[in-house]
Amino acid sequence: QSDTLRIVFVDRGPGGDLLPNGGNGVLYVFDNSPVPPLASLTLRRQAE
């Protein structure tokens, strides 16, 4: 719902772990600047 989010990874198995250790999440901000277009791959052979 915005360009900013936090991510937390939790291992709930035996001896589980938390990322990040503080538990407040990894801050991530989307970069909305344009990126180079992905080249479309041809279905054809490069050589017959």
ModelCIF file with pLDDT and N, C-alpha, C, O atoms, coordinates in Angstrom:
data_MODEL
#
_entry.id   MODEL 
#
_entity.id                         1 
_entity.type                       polymer 
_entity.pdbx_number_of_molecules   1 
#
_entity_poly.entity_id                      1 
_entity_poly.type                           'polypeptide(L)' 
_entity_poly.nstd_linkage                   no 
_entity_poly.nstd_monomer                   no 
_entity_poly.pdbx_seq_one_letter_code       QSDTLRIVFVDRGPGGDLLPNGGNGVLYVFDNSPVPPLASLTLRRQAE 
_entity_poly.pdbx_seq_one_letter_code_can   QSDTLRIVFVDRGPGGDLLPNGGNGVLYVFDNSPVPPLASLTLRRQAE 
_entity_poly.pdbx_strand_id                 A 
#
loop_
_entity_poly_seq.entity_id 
_entity_poly_seq.num 
_entity_poly_seq.mon_id 
_entity_poly_seq.hetero 
1 1  GLN n 
1 2  SER n 
1 3  ASP n 
1 4  THR n 
1 5  LEU n 
1 6  ARG n 
1 7  ILE n 
1 8  VAL n 
1 9  PHE n 
1 10 VAL n 
1 11 ASP n 
1 12 ARG n 
1 13 GLY n 
1 14 PRO n 
1 15 GLY n 
1 16 GLY n 
1 17 ASP n 
1 18 LEU n 
1 19 LEU n 
1 20 PRO n 
1 21 ASN n 
1 22 GLY n 
1 23 GLY n 
1 24 ASN n 
1 25 GLY n 
1 26 VAL n 
1 27 LEU n 
1 28 TYR n 
1 29 VAL n 
1 30 PHE n 
1 31 ASP n 
1 32 ASN n 
1 33 SER n 
1 34 PRO n 
1 35 VAL n 
1 36 PRO n 
1 37 PRO n 
1 38 LEU n 
1 39 ALA n 
1 40 SER n 
1 41 LEU n 
1 42 THR n 
1 43 LEU n 
1 44 ARG n 
1 45 ARG n 
1 46 GLN n 
1 47 ALA n 
1 48 GLU n 
#
_struct_asym.id          A 
_struct_asym.entity_id   1 
#
loop_
_ma_qa_metric.id 
_ma_qa_metric.mode 
_ma_qa_metric.name 
_ma_qa_metric.software_group_id 
_ma_qa_metric.type 
1 global pLDDT . pLDDT 
2 local  pLDDT . pLDDT 
#
_ma_qa_metric_global.metric_id      1 
_ma_qa_metric_global.metric_value   88.35 
_ma_qa_metric_global.model_id       1 
_ma_qa_metric_global.ordinal_id     1 
#
loop_
_ma_qa_metric_local.label_asym_id 
_ma_qa_metric_local.label_comp_id 
_ma_qa_metric_local.label_seq_id 
_ma_qa_metric_local.metric_id 
_ma_qa_metric_local.metric_value 
_ma_qa_metric_local.model_id 
_ma_qa_metric_local.ordinal_id 
A GLN 1  2 90.00 1 1  
A SER 2  2 91.00 1 2  
A ASP 3  2 92.00 1 3  
A THR 4  2 92.00 1 4  
A LEU 5  2 90.00 1 5  
A ARG 6  2 91.00 1 6  
A ILE 7  2 92.00 1 7  
A VAL 8  2 92.00 1 8  
A PHE 9  2 91.00 1 9  
A VAL 10 2 90.00 1 10 
A ASP 11 2 88.00 1 11 
A ARG 12 2 85.00 1 12 
A GLY 13 2 84.00 1 13 
A PRO 14 2 87.00 1 14 
A GLY 15 2 82.00 1 15 
A GLY 16 2 84.00 1 16 
A ASP 17 2 87.00 1 17 
A LEU 18 2 88.00 1 18 
A LEU 19 2 88.00 1 19 
A PRO 20 2 89.00 1 20 
A ASN 21 2 87.00 1 21 
A GLY 22 2 79.00 1 22 
A GLY 23 2 71.00 1 23 
A ASN 24 2 83.00 1 24 
A GLY 25 2 89.00 1 25 
A VAL 26 2 91.00 1 26 
A LEU 27 2 92.00 1 27 
A TYR 28 2 91.00 1 28 
A VAL 29 2 94.00 1 29 
A PHE 30 2 93.00 1 30 
A ASP 31 2 91.00 1 31 
A ASN 32 2 88.00 1 32 
A SER 33 2 91.00 1 33 
A PRO 34 2 89.00 1 34 
A VAL 35 2 85.00 1 35 
A PRO 36 2 86.00 1 36 
A PRO 37 2 86.00 1 37 
A LEU 38 2 88.00 1 38 
A ALA 39 2 86.00 1 39 
A SER 40 2 90.00 1 40 
A LEU 41 2 91.00 1 41 
A THR 42 2 93.00 1 42 
A LEU 43 2 96.00 1 43 
A ARG 44 2 93.00 1 44 
A ARG 45 2 92.00 1 45 
A GLN 46 2 85.00 1 46 
A ALA 47 2 84.00 1 47 
A GLU 48 2 84.00 1 48 
#
loop_
_atom_site.group_PDB 
_atom_site.id 
_atom_site.type_symbol 
_atom_site.label_atom_id 
_atom_site.label_alt_id 
_atom_site.label_comp_id 
_atom_site.label_asym_id 
_atom_site.label_entity_id 
_atom_site.label_seq_id 
_atom_site.pdbx_PDB_ins_code 
_atom_site.Cartn_x 
_atom_site.Cartn_y 
_atom_site.Cartn_z 
_atom_site.occupancy 
_atom_site.B_iso_or_equiv 
_atom_site.pdbx_formal_charge 
_atom_site.auth_seq_id 
_atom_site.auth_comp_id 
_atom_site.auth_asym_id 
_atom_site.auth_atom_id 
_atom_site.pdbx_PDB_model_num 
ATOM 1   N N  . GLN A 1 1  ? 0.801  -1.212  0.000   1.00 90.00 ? 1  GLN A N  1 
ATOM 2   C CA . GLN A 1 1  ? 0.000  0.000   0.000   1.00 90.00 ? 1  GLN A CA 1 
ATOM 3   C C  . GLN A 1 1  ? 0.838  1.268   0.000   1.00 90.00 ? 1  GLN A C  1 
ATOM 4   O O  . GLN A 1 1  ? 0.301  2.375   -0.024  1.00 90.00 ? 1  GLN A O  1 
ATOM 5   N N  . SER A 1 2  ? 2.163  1.103   0.027   1.00 91.00 ? 2  SER A N  1 
ATOM 6   C CA . SER A 1 2  ? 3.072  2.243   -0.111  1.00 91.00 ? 2  SER A CA 1 
ATOM 7   C C  . SER A 1 2  ? 4.374  1.715   -0.696  1.00 91.00 ? 2  SER A C  1 
ATOM 8   O O  . SER A 1 2  ? 4.487  0.529   -1.003  1.00 91.00 ? 2  SER A O  1 
ATOM 9   N N  . ASP A 1 3  ? 5.359  2.602   -0.851  1.00 92.00 ? 3  ASP A N  1 
ATOM 10  C CA . ASP A 1 3  ? 6.642  2.167   -1.396  1.00 92.00 ? 3  ASP A CA 1 
ATOM 11  C C  . ASP A 1 3  ? 7.588  1.680   -0.310  1.00 92.00 ? 3  ASP A C  1 
ATOM 12  O O  . ASP A 1 3  ? 8.743  1.365   -0.594  1.00 92.00 ? 3  ASP A O  1 
ATOM 13  N N  . THR A 1 4  ? 7.111  1.614   0.940   1.00 92.00 ? 4  THR A N  1 
ATOM 14  C CA . THR A 1 4  ? 7.967  1.216   2.057   1.00 92.00 ? 4  THR A CA 1 
ATOM 15  C C  . THR A 1 4  ? 7.356  0.027   2.786   1.00 92.00 ? 4  THR A C  1 
ATOM 16  O O  . THR A 1 4  ? 6.156  0.009   3.057   1.00 92.00 ? 4  THR A O  1 
ATOM 17  N N  . LEU A 1 5  ? 8.170  -0.949  3.097   1.00 90.00 ? 5  LEU A N  1 
ATOM 18  C CA . LEU A 1 5  ? 7.692  -2.122  3.816   1.00 90.00 ? 5  LEU A CA 1 
ATOM 19  C C  . LEU A 1 5  ? 8.787  -2.656  4.717   1.00 90.00 ? 5  LEU A C  1 
ATOM 20  O O  . LEU A 1 5  ? 9.954  -2.287  4.592   1.00 90.00 ? 5  LEU A O  1 
ATOM 21  N N  . ARG A 1 6  ? 8.389  -3.530  5.624   1.00 91.00 ? 6  ARG A N  1 
ATOM 22  C CA . ARG A 1 6  ? 9.338  -4.232  6.486   1.00 91.00 ? 6  ARG A CA 1 
ATOM 23  C C  . ARG A 1 6  ? 9.102  -5.729  6.337   1.00 91.00 ? 6  ARG A C  1 
ATOM 24  O O  . ARG A 1 6  ? 7.964  -6.182  6.213   1.00 91.00 ? 6  ARG A O  1 
ATOM 25  N N  . ILE A 1 7  ? 10.181 -6.482  6.353   1.00 92.00 ? 7  ILE A N  1 
ATOM 26  C CA . ILE A 1 7  ? 10.110 -7.934  6.197   1.00 92.00 ? 7  ILE A CA 1 
ATOM 27  C C  . ILE A 1 7  ? 10.779 -8.582  7.396   1.00 92.00 ? 7  ILE A C  1 
ATOM 28  O O  . ILE A 1 7  ? 11.872 -8.185  7.798   1.00 92.00 ? 7  ILE A O  1 
ATOM 29  N N  . VAL A 1 8  ? 10.117 -9.581  7.964   1.00 92.00 ? 8  VAL A N  1 
ATOM 30  C CA . VAL A 1 8  ? 10.685 -10.373 9.058   1.00 92.00 ? 8  VAL A CA 1 
ATOM 31  C C  . VAL A 1 8  ? 10.636 -11.834 8.650   1.00 92.00 ? 8  VAL A C  1 
ATOM 32  O O  . VAL A 1 8  ? 9.602  -12.318 8.189   1.00 92.00 ? 8  VAL A O  1 
ATOM 33  N N  . PHE A 1 9  ? 11.757 -12.547 8.817   1.00 91.00 ? 9  PHE A N  1 
ATOM 34  C CA . PHE A 1 9  ? 11.801 -13.984 8.570   1.00 91.00 ? 9  PHE A CA 1 
ATOM 35  C C  . PHE A 1 9  ? 11.912 -14.708 9.908   1.00 91.00 ? 9  PHE A C  1 
ATOM 36  O O  . PHE A 1 9  ? 12.738 -14.357 10.751  1.00 91.00 ? 9  PHE A O  1 
ATOM 37  N N  . VAL A 1 10 ? 11.067 -15.725 10.091  1.00 90.00 ? 10 VAL A N  1 
ATOM 38  C CA . VAL A 1 10 ? 11.014 -16.449 11.350  1.00 90.00 ? 10 VAL A CA 1 
ATOM 39  C C  . VAL A 1 10 ? 11.143 -17.941 11.081  1.00 90.00 ? 10 VAL A C  1 
ATOM 40  O O  . VAL A 1 10 ? 10.421 -18.490 10.249  1.00 90.00 ? 10 VAL A O  1 
ATOM 41  N N  . ASP A 1 11 ? 12.062 -18.597 11.783  1.00 88.00 ? 11 ASP A N  1 
ATOM 42  C CA . ASP A 1 11 ? 12.169 -20.063 11.753  1.00 88.00 ? 11 ASP A CA 1 
ATOM 43  C C  . ASP A 1 11 ? 11.484 -20.579 13.013  1.00 88.00 ? 11 ASP A C  1 
ATOM 44  O O  . ASP A 1 11 ? 11.984 -20.378 14.120  1.00 88.00 ? 11 ASP A O  1 
ATOM 45  N N  . ARG A 1 12 ? 10.336 -21.244 12.849  1.00 85.00 ? 12 ARG A N  1 
ATOM 46  C CA . ARG A 1 12 ? 9.560  -21.703 13.996  1.00 85.00 ? 12 ARG A CA 1 
ATOM 47  C C  . ARG A 1 12 ? 9.863  -23.148 14.364  1.00 85.00 ? 12 ARG A C  1 
ATOM 48  O O  . ARG A 1 12 ? 9.171  -23.733 15.198  1.00 85.00 ? 12 ARG A O  1 
ATOM 49  N N  . GLY A 1 13 ? 10.892 -23.729 13.751  1.00 84.00 ? 13 GLY A N  1 
ATOM 50  C CA . GLY A 1 13 ? 11.298 -25.078 14.108  1.00 84.00 ? 13 GLY A CA 1 
ATOM 51  C C  . GLY A 1 13 ? 12.159 -25.088 15.348  1.00 84.00 ? 13 GLY A C  1 
ATOM 52  O O  . GLY A 1 13 ? 12.402 -24.038 15.944  1.00 84.00 ? 13 GLY A O  1 
ATOM 53  N N  . PRO A 1 14 ? 12.639 -26.292 15.756  1.00 87.00 ? 14 PRO A N  1 
ATOM 54  C CA . PRO A 1 14 ? 13.522 -26.393 16.938  1.00 87.00 ? 14 PRO A CA 1 
ATOM 55  C C  . PRO A 1 14 ? 14.752 -25.511 16.761  1.00 87.00 ? 14 PRO A C  1 
ATOM 56  O O  . PRO A 1 14 ? 15.379 -25.510 15.701  1.00 87.00 ? 14 PRO A O  1 
ATOM 57  N N  . GLY A 1 15 ? 15.091 -24.760 17.808  1.00 82.00 ? 15 GLY A N  1 
ATOM 58  C CA . GLY A 1 15 ? 16.252 -23.870 17.722  1.00 82.00 ? 15 GLY A CA 1 
ATOM 59  C C  . GLY A 1 15 ? 16.063 -22.754 16.735  1.00 82.00 ? 15 GLY A C  1 
ATOM 60  O O  . GLY A 1 15 ? 17.030 -22.288 16.132  1.00 82.00 ? 15 GLY A O  1 
ATOM 61  N N  . GLY A 1 16 ? 14.820 -22.309 16.552  1.00 84.00 ? 16 GLY A N  1 
ATOM 62  C CA . GLY A 1 16 ? 14.460 -21.340 15.529  1.00 84.00 ? 16 GLY A CA 1 
ATOM 63  C C  . GLY A 1 16 ? 15.248 -20.048 15.607  1.00 84.00 ? 16 GLY A C  1 
ATOM 64  O O  . GLY A 1 16 ? 15.862 -19.729 16.625  1.00 84.00 ? 16 GLY A O  1 
ATOM 65  N N  . ASP A 1 17 ? 15.217 -19.317 14.513  1.00 87.00 ? 17 ASP A N  1 
ATOM 66  C CA . ASP A 1 17 ? 15.987 -18.086 14.393  1.00 87.00 ? 17 ASP A CA 1 
ATOM 67  C C  . ASP A 1 17 ? 15.059 -16.982 13.913  1.00 87.00 ? 17 ASP A C  1 
ATOM 68  O O  . ASP A 1 17 ? 13.940 -17.237 13.469  1.00 87.00 ? 17 ASP A O  1 
ATOM 69  N N  . LEU A 1 18 ? 15.548 -15.749 14.012  1.00 88.00 ? 18 LEU A N  1 
ATOM 70  C CA . LEU A 1 18 ? 14.788 -14.580 13.612  1.00 88.00 ? 18 LEU A CA 1 
ATOM 71  C C  . LEU A 1 18 ? 15.701 -13.659 12.816  1.00 88.00 ? 18 LEU A C  1 
ATOM 72  O O  . LEU A 1 18 ? 16.859 -13.441 13.173  1.00 88.00 ? 18 LEU A O  1 
ATOM 73  N N  . LEU A 1 19 ? 15.149 -13.120 11.719  1.00 88.00 ? 19 LEU A N  1 
ATOM 74  C CA . LEU A 1 19 ? 15.901 -12.171 10.899  1.00 88.00 ? 19 LEU A CA 1 
ATOM 75  C C  . LEU A 1 19 ? 15.033 -10.933 10.684  1.00 88.00 ? 19 LEU A C  1 
ATOM 76  O O  . LEU A 1 19 ? 13.956 -11.048 10.099  1.00 88.00 ? 19 LEU A O  1 
ATOM 77  N N  . PRO A 1 20 ? 15.472 -9.727  11.146  1.00 89.00 ? 20 PRO A N  1 
ATOM 78  C CA . PRO A 1 20 ? 16.705 -9.470  11.909  1.00 89.00 ? 20 PRO A CA 1 
ATOM 79  C C  . PRO A 1 20 ? 16.522 -9.832  13.378  1.00 89.00 ? 20 PRO A C  1 
ATOM 80  O O  . PRO A 1 20 ? 15.407 -10.080 13.838  1.00 89.00 ? 20 PRO A O  1 
ATOM 81  N N  . ASN A 1 21 ? 17.623 -9.859  14.097  1.00 87.00 ? 21 ASN A N  1 
ATOM 82  C CA . ASN A 1 21 ? 17.579 -10.315 15.480  1.00 87.00 ? 21 ASN A CA 1 
ATOM 83  C C  . ASN A 1 21 ? 16.655 -9.464  16.348  1.00 87.00 ? 21 ASN A C  1 
ATOM 84  O O  . ASN A 1 21 ? 16.039 -9.975  17.283  1.00 87.00 ? 21 ASN A O  1 
ATOM 85  N N  . GLY A 1 22 ? 16.556 -8.168  16.046  1.00 79.00 ? 22 GLY A N  1 
ATOM 86  C CA . GLY A 1 22 ? 15.703 -7.303  16.846  1.00 79.00 ? 22 GLY A CA 1 
ATOM 87  C C  . GLY A 1 22 ? 14.222 -7.545  16.634  1.00 79.00 ? 22 GLY A C  1 
ATOM 88  O O  . GLY A 1 22 ? 13.406 -7.175  17.478  1.00 79.00 ? 22 GLY A O  1 
ATOM 89  N N  . GLY A 1 23 ? 13.861 -8.168  15.504  1.00 71.00 ? 23 GLY A N  1 
ATOM 90  C CA . GLY A 1 23 ? 12.466 -8.492  15.253  1.00 71.00 ? 23 GLY A CA 1 
ATOM 91  C C  . GLY A 1 23 ? 11.642 -7.375  14.669  1.00 71.00 ? 23 GLY A C  1 
ATOM 92  O O  . GLY A 1 23 ? 10.441 -7.548  14.460  1.00 71.00 ? 23 GLY A O  1 
ATOM 93  N N  . ASN A 1 24 ? 12.256 -6.208  14.393  1.00 83.00 ? 24 ASN A N  1 
ATOM 94  C CA . ASN A 1 24 ? 11.489 -5.084  13.857  1.00 83.00 ? 24 ASN A CA 1 
ATOM 95  C C  . ASN A 1 24 ? 11.408 -5.090  12.333  1.00 83.00 ? 24 ASN A C  1 
ATOM 96  O O  . ASN A 1 24 ? 10.757 -4.236  11.732  1.00 83.00 ? 24 ASN A O  1 
ATOM 97  N N  . GLY A 1 25 ? 12.069 -6.050  11.726  1.00 89.00 ? 25 GLY A N  1 
ATOM 98  C CA . GLY A 1 25 ? 11.971 -6.172  10.277  1.00 89.00 ? 25 GLY A CA 1 
ATOM 99  C C  . GLY A 1 25 ? 13.090 -5.486  9.534   1.00 89.00 ? 25 GLY A C  1 
ATOM 100 O O  . GLY A 1 25 ? 13.718 -4.552  10.032  1.00 89.00 ? 25 GLY A O  1 
ATOM 101 N N  . VAL A 1 26 ? 13.325 -5.972  8.322   1.00 91.00 ? 26 VAL A N  1 
ATOM 102 C CA . VAL A 1 26 ? 14.274 -5.358  7.395   1.00 91.00 ? 26 VAL A CA 1 
ATOM 103 C C  . VAL A 1 26 ? 13.519 -4.318  6.584   1.00 91.00 ? 26 VAL A C  1 
ATOM 104 O O  . VAL A 1 26 ? 12.554 -4.642  5.892   1.00 91.00 ? 26 VAL A O  1 
ATOM 105 N N  . LEU A 1 27 ? 13.959 -3.070  6.670   1.00 92.00 ? 27 LEU A N  1 
ATOM 106 C CA . LEU A 1 27 ? 13.294 -1.992  5.943   1.00 92.00 ? 27 LEU A CA 1 
ATOM 107 C C  . LEU A 1 27 ? 13.654 -2.052  4.469   1.00 92.00 ? 27 LEU A C  1 
ATOM 108 O O  . LEU A 1 27 ? 14.819 -2.213  4.104   1.00 92.00 ? 27 LEU A O  1 
ATOM 109 N N  . TYR A 1 28 ? 12.627 -1.919  3.623   1.00 91.00 ? 28 TYR A N  1 
ATOM 110 C CA . TYR A 1 28 ? 12.854 -1.946  2.179   1.00 91.00 ? 28 TYR A CA 1 
ATOM 111 C C  . TYR A 1 28 ? 11.982 -0.879  1.541   1.00 91.00 ? 28 TYR A C  1 
ATOM 112 O O  . TYR A 1 28 ? 10.798 -0.768  1.857   1.00 91.00 ? 28 TYR A O  1 
ATOM 113 N N  . VAL A 1 29 ? 12.563 -0.098  0.647   1.00 94.00 ? 29 VAL A N  1 
ATOM 114 C CA . VAL A 1 29 ? 11.837 0.933   -0.084  1.00 94.00 ? 29 VAL A CA 1 
ATOM 115 C C  . VAL A 1 29 ? 11.918 0.607   -1.574  1.00 94.00 ? 29 VAL A C  1 
ATOM 116 O O  . VAL A 1 29 ? 13.009 0.455   -2.124  1.00 94.00 ? 29 VAL A O  1 
ATOM 117 N N  . PHE A 1 30 ? 10.780 0.502   -2.210  1.00 93.00 ? 30 PHE A N  1 
ATOM 118 C CA . PHE A 1 30 ? 10.756 0.228   -3.645  1.00 93.00 ? 30 PHE A CA 1 
ATOM 119 C C  . PHE A 1 30 ? 11.381 1.387   -4.415  1.00 93.00 ? 30 PHE A C  1 
ATOM 120 O O  . PHE A 1 30 ? 11.121 2.556   -4.127  1.00 93.00 ? 30 PHE A O  1 
ATOM 121 N N  . ASP A 1 31 ? 12.190 1.050   -5.375  1.00 91.00 ? 31 ASP A N  1 
ATOM 122 C CA . ASP A 1 31 ? 12.755 2.040   -6.290  1.00 91.00 ? 31 ASP A CA 1 
ATOM 123 C C  . ASP A 1 31 ? 11.877 2.042   -7.534  1.00 91.00 ? 31 ASP A C  1 
ATOM 124 O O  . ASP A 1 31 ? 11.864 1.069   -8.288  1.00 91.00 ? 31 ASP A O  1 
ATOM 125 N N  . ASN A 1 32 ? 11.157 3.113   -7.749  1.00 88.00 ? 32 ASN A N  1 
ATOM 126 C CA . ASN A 1 32 ? 10.207 3.177   -8.860  1.00 88.00 ? 32 ASN A CA 1 
ATOM 127 C C  . ASN A 1 32 ? 10.796 3.804   -10.123 1.00 88.00 ? 32 ASN A C  1 
ATOM 128 O O  . ASN A 1 32 ? 10.066 4.061   -11.081 1.00 88.00 ? 32 ASN A O  1 
ATOM 129 N N  . SER A 1 33 ? 12.100 4.052   -10.136 1.00 91.00 ? 33 SER A N  1 
ATOM 130 C CA . SER A 1 33 ? 12.694 4.604   -11.347 1.00 91.00 ? 33 SER A CA 1 
ATOM 131 C C  . SER A 1 33 ? 12.682 3.547   -12.447 1.00 91.00 ? 33 SER A C  1 
ATOM 132 O O  . SER A 1 33 ? 12.741 2.353   -12.153 1.00 91.00 ? 33 SER A O  1 
ATOM 133 N N  . PRO A 1 34 ? 12.607 3.968   -13.704 1.00 89.00 ? 34 PRO A N  1 
ATOM 134 C CA . PRO A 1 34 ? 12.527 3.010   -14.816 1.00 89.00 ? 34 PRO A CA 1 
ATOM 135 C C  . PRO A 1 34 ? 13.756 2.103   -14.872 1.00 89.00 ? 34 PRO A C  1 
ATOM 136 O O  . PRO A 1 34 ? 14.868 2.519   -14.547 1.00 89.00 ? 34 PRO A O  1 
ATOM 137 N N  . VAL A 1 35 ? 13.535 0.879   -15.282 1.00 85.00 ? 35 VAL A N  1 
ATOM 138 C CA . VAL A 1 35 ? 14.625 -0.074  -15.482 1.00 85.00 ? 35 VAL A CA 1 
ATOM 139 C C  . VAL A 1 35 ? 14.693 -0.415  -16.969 1.00 85.00 ? 35 VAL A C  1 
ATOM 140 O O  . VAL A 1 35 ? 13.685 -0.322  -17.670 1.00 85.00 ? 35 VAL A O  1 
ATOM 141 N N  . PRO A 1 36 ? 15.860 -0.805  -17.452 1.00 86.00 ? 36 PRO A N  1 
ATOM 142 C CA . PRO A 1 36 ? 15.953 -1.175  -18.871 1.00 86.00 ? 36 PRO A CA 1 
ATOM 143 C C  . PRO A 1 36 ? 14.991 -2.307  -19.188 1.00 86.00 ? 36 PRO A C  1 
ATOM 144 O O  . PRO A 1 36 ? 14.849 -3.230  -18.385 1.00 86.00 ? 36 PRO A O  1 
ATOM 145 N N  . PRO A 1 37 ? 14.327 -2.261  -20.332 1.00 86.00 ? 37 PRO A N  1 
ATOM 146 C CA . PRO A 1 37 ? 13.383 -3.325  -20.687 1.00 86.00 ? 37 PRO A CA 1 
ATOM 147 C C  . PRO A 1 37 ? 14.115 -4.656  -20.852 1.00 86.00 ? 37 PRO A C  1 
ATOM 148 O O  . PRO A 1 37 ? 15.246 -4.709  -21.336 1.00 86.00 ? 37 PRO A O  1 
ATOM 149 N N  . LEU A 1 38 ? 13.441 -5.722  -20.440 1.00 88.00 ? 38 LEU A N  1 
ATOM 150 C CA . LEU A 1 38 ? 14.003 -7.058  -20.596 1.00 88.00 ? 38 LEU A CA 1 
ATOM 151 C C  . LEU A 1 38 ? 13.888 -7.475  -22.050 1.00 88.00 ? 38 LEU A C  1 
ATOM 152 O O  . LEU A 1 38 ? 12.803 -7.432  -22.631 1.00 88.00 ? 38 LEU A O  1 
ATOM 153 N N  . ALA A 1 39 ? 14.993 -7.874  -22.631 1.00 86.00 ? 39 ALA A N  1 
ATOM 154 C CA . ALA A 1 39 ? 14.973 -8.309  -24.027 1.00 86.00 ? 39 ALA A CA 1 
ATOM 155 C C  . ALA A 1 39 ? 14.154 -9.585  -24.163 1.00 86.00 ? 39 ALA A C  1 
ATOM 156 O O  . ALA A 1 39 ? 14.344 -10.537 -23.406 1.00 86.00 ? 39 ALA A O  1 
ATOM 157 N N  . SER A 1 40 ? 13.251 -9.599  -25.121 1.00 90.00 ? 40 SER A N  1 
ATOM 158 C CA . SER A 1 40 ? 12.446 -10.784 -25.395 1.00 90.00 ? 40 SER A CA 1 
ATOM 159 C C  . SER A 1 40 ? 13.283 -11.779 -26.197 1.00 90.00 ? 40 SER A C  1 
ATOM 160 O O  . SER A 1 40 ? 13.893 -11.415 -27.202 1.00 90.00 ? 40 SER A O  1 
ATOM 161 N N  . LEU A 1 41 ? 13.308 -13.030 -25.753 1.00 91.00 ? 41 LEU A N  1 
ATOM 162 C CA . LEU A 1 41 ? 14.080 -14.052 -26.455 1.00 91.00 ? 41 LEU A CA 1 
ATOM 163 C C  . LEU A 1 41 ? 13.283 -14.599 -27.633 1.00 91.00 ? 41 LEU A C  1 
ATOM 164 O O  . LEU A 1 41 ? 12.096 -14.898 -27.504 1.00 91.00 ? 41 LEU A O  1 
ATOM 165 N N  . THR A 1 42 ? 13.933 -14.726 -28.763 1.00 93.00 ? 42 THR A N  1 
ATOM 166 C CA . THR A 1 42 ? 13.285 -15.318 -29.920 1.00 93.00 ? 42 THR A CA 1 
ATOM 167 C C  . THR A 1 42 ? 13.113 -16.819 -29.726 1.00 93.00 ? 42 THR A C  1 
ATOM 168 O O  . THR A 1 42 ? 13.888 -17.450 -29.006 1.00 93.00 ? 42 THR A O  1 
ATOM 169 N N  . LEU A 1 43 ? 12.107 -17.382 -30.363 1.00 96.00 ? 43 LEU A N  1 
ATOM 170 C CA . LEU A 1 43 ? 11.922 -18.831 -30.352 1.00 96.00 ? 43 LEU A CA 1 
ATOM 171 C C  . LEU A 1 43 ? 12.734 -19.484 -31.467 1.00 96.00 ? 43 LEU A C  1 
ATOM 172 O O  . LEU A 1 43 ? 12.826 -20.710 -31.520 1.00 96.00 ? 43 LEU A O  1 
ATOM 173 N N  . ARG A 1 44 ? 13.318 -18.696 -32.348 1.00 93.00 ? 44 ARG A N  1 
ATOM 174 C CA . ARG A 1 44 ? 14.019 -19.236 -33.511 1.00 93.00 ? 44 ARG A CA 1 
ATOM 175 C C  . ARG A 1 44 ? 15.451 -19.626 -33.162 1.00 93.00 ? 44 ARG A C  1 
ATOM 176 O O  . ARG A 1 44 ? 16.006 -19.162 -32.166 1.00 93.00 ? 44 ARG A O  1 
ATOM 177 N N  . ARG A 1 45 ? 16.038 -20.476 -33.983 1.00 92.00 ? 45 ARG A N  1 
ATOM 178 C CA . ARG A 1 45 ? 17.443 -20.838 -33.840 1.00 92.00 ? 45 ARG A CA 1 
ATOM 179 C C  . ARG A 1 45 ? 18.334 -19.682 -34.262 1.00 92.00 ? 45 ARG A C  1 
ATOM 180 O O  . ARG A 1 45 ? 17.965 -18.881 -35.120 1.00 92.00 ? 45 ARG A O  1 
ATOM 181 N N  . GLN A 1 46 ? 19.527 -19.604 -33.641 1.00 85.00 ? 46 GLN A N  1 
ATOM 182 C CA . GLN A 1 46 ? 20.524 -18.641 -34.097 1.00 85.00 ? 46 GLN A CA 1 
ATOM 183 C C  . GLN A 1 46 ? 21.119 -19.082 -35.427 1.00 85.00 ? 46 GLN A C  1 
ATOM 184 O O  . GLN A 1 46 ? 21.501 -18.246 -36.247 1.00 85.00 ? 46 GLN A O  1 
ATOM 185 N N  . ALA A 1 47 ? 21.198 -20.383 -35.641 1.00 84.00 ? 47 ALA A N  1 
ATOM 186 C CA . ALA A 1 47 ? 21.709 -20.937 -36.895 1.00 84.00 ? 47 ALA A CA 1 
ATOM 187 C C  . ALA A 1 47 ? 20.890 -22.184 -37.225 1.00 84.00 ? 47 ALA A C  1 
ATOM 188 O O  . ALA A 1 47 ? 20.548 -22.964 -36.336 1.00 84.00 ? 47 ALA A O  1 
ATOM 189 N N  . GLU A 1 48 ? 20.585 -22.361 -38.483 1.00 84.00 ? 48 GLU A N  1 
ATOM 190 C CA . GLU A 1 48 ? 19.715 -23.455 -38.900 1.00 84.00 ? 48 GLU A CA 1 
ATOM 191 C C  . GLU A 1 48 ? 20.322 -24.825 -38.625 1.00 84.00 ? 48 GLU A C  1 
ATOM 192 O O  . GLU A 1 48 ? 19.701 -25.846 -38.924 1.00 84.00 ? 48 GLU A O  1 
#
